């Protein structure tokens, strides 16, 4: 029987997500009649005209009558959904969770409390099952994740209805909840009642099954974390995973799912990645919305797509500080005391041969240069292949250019045409620090 909140700490401050429906009003009532520190937040998605506005006013009145701070916002949900190619439900989810977090962070709340219940969790299980979700999606709705907490998650909808009736609690009915337009409502109103009729203990058994799946999921996460600790490393923001270890490990396909899913690789793409590993295909690239994955010779490399720098202009006294590197320059007169300092990230060039401004940019198709010690030009792509650089590093490799001529493949080799010689009178020195490559 519902009588108290679960997973709530008296010493923390809570932002309650309250729609005005029975679940969130029961949660709000339990908080309001306790010593917990809380405020109420309401999203008006403007999807049901005056009904949406009445919901907002109803929740505001509850907050005022119970002396709780109230936050509200109105969204143009349909416009946001169209602009971002989302369903109305996904758009509303993105909007509300982003706003809840903004309010929480700006006002010092420790947690955001959501009113999901045990029946919501079962419905989510079936939604994810129908969508072909992996084990992660079949564990239902978790009791808490990071700053989110669900104090009613162990209670059924019947428990919540009984509490509302016993306390003569007012709440709003969302007319869209009765529509079979949405998958969740079809499962709630059509599928689950049939399962209840078939087995009266169905919901309890489903909850036990989800608990077992959650435990199995946590075990797998621990196993994957241990595998990554032993068989991967980070370099310049990229994750390198040993292909030999992955091939030898038990259930490599499952491991790939758990390793790559956080980086946006899903569904058939994971199957294709697994197949390329099994077939030892090197150099194949896969793109998620946020990351590039490369099957290299020895490693599977996961690289953020946002890590590609732009072009930067370098004048004689330039100092550049950006997220990719720090750069400083100086011009020196060559005398008898001068000593070359050239190393991987210090370049020294004959000032007279340069045309300013210089440009620091990424490698481009067709680039050629004359590697130090050689006389003829060489394709930069061939030069990088000979060094056996991973594709992710090639993609971010930078060059310094003077009047369309490469003077330096940064960190790797200067161009022979611009080197300091006995005839050099002035030297232009470039320092790179905190460089990606």
Foldseek 3Di string as FASTA:
>chain_A
DDDAFPPDDQPFEEEEEAQQALLSLLVVVRCLPDNHHYAYEYEQACPPPVLSVVSVVVVVVVCVVSVHHYHYDYHPQVVQCVVVVHDSVVSVVVVVVVVVVVVCVVPVGQAYEYRAAQVQQLLQLVVCVVVVHDLVSNLGDDQDDRRYGHRHHDPDPVVSVVVCVVVVNGGDDDPCLCDPPDSSSCCVPPVVVVVCVVPVCVSVVSNVVSVVSVVVVVVVLVVLVVQQVVAWDDALQKIWGFLVSLVPDPPSLVSLCSVCVVVQQDDVSSVVVVVCSVVQPFQDWDDGPFWIWGRHNTTTMIHGPVPADAKDWADQQDWDDDPAWTKGKHKAFDDPPDDDPDDQFKDKFQPVVAADGKMKHADDPPAWAAFAPGDDIDGVVVVVVVVRDGPVCNSRFIFIGGPNYTQDRHRPTGGNVTHDDPPRGMMMMMGIPNHSD
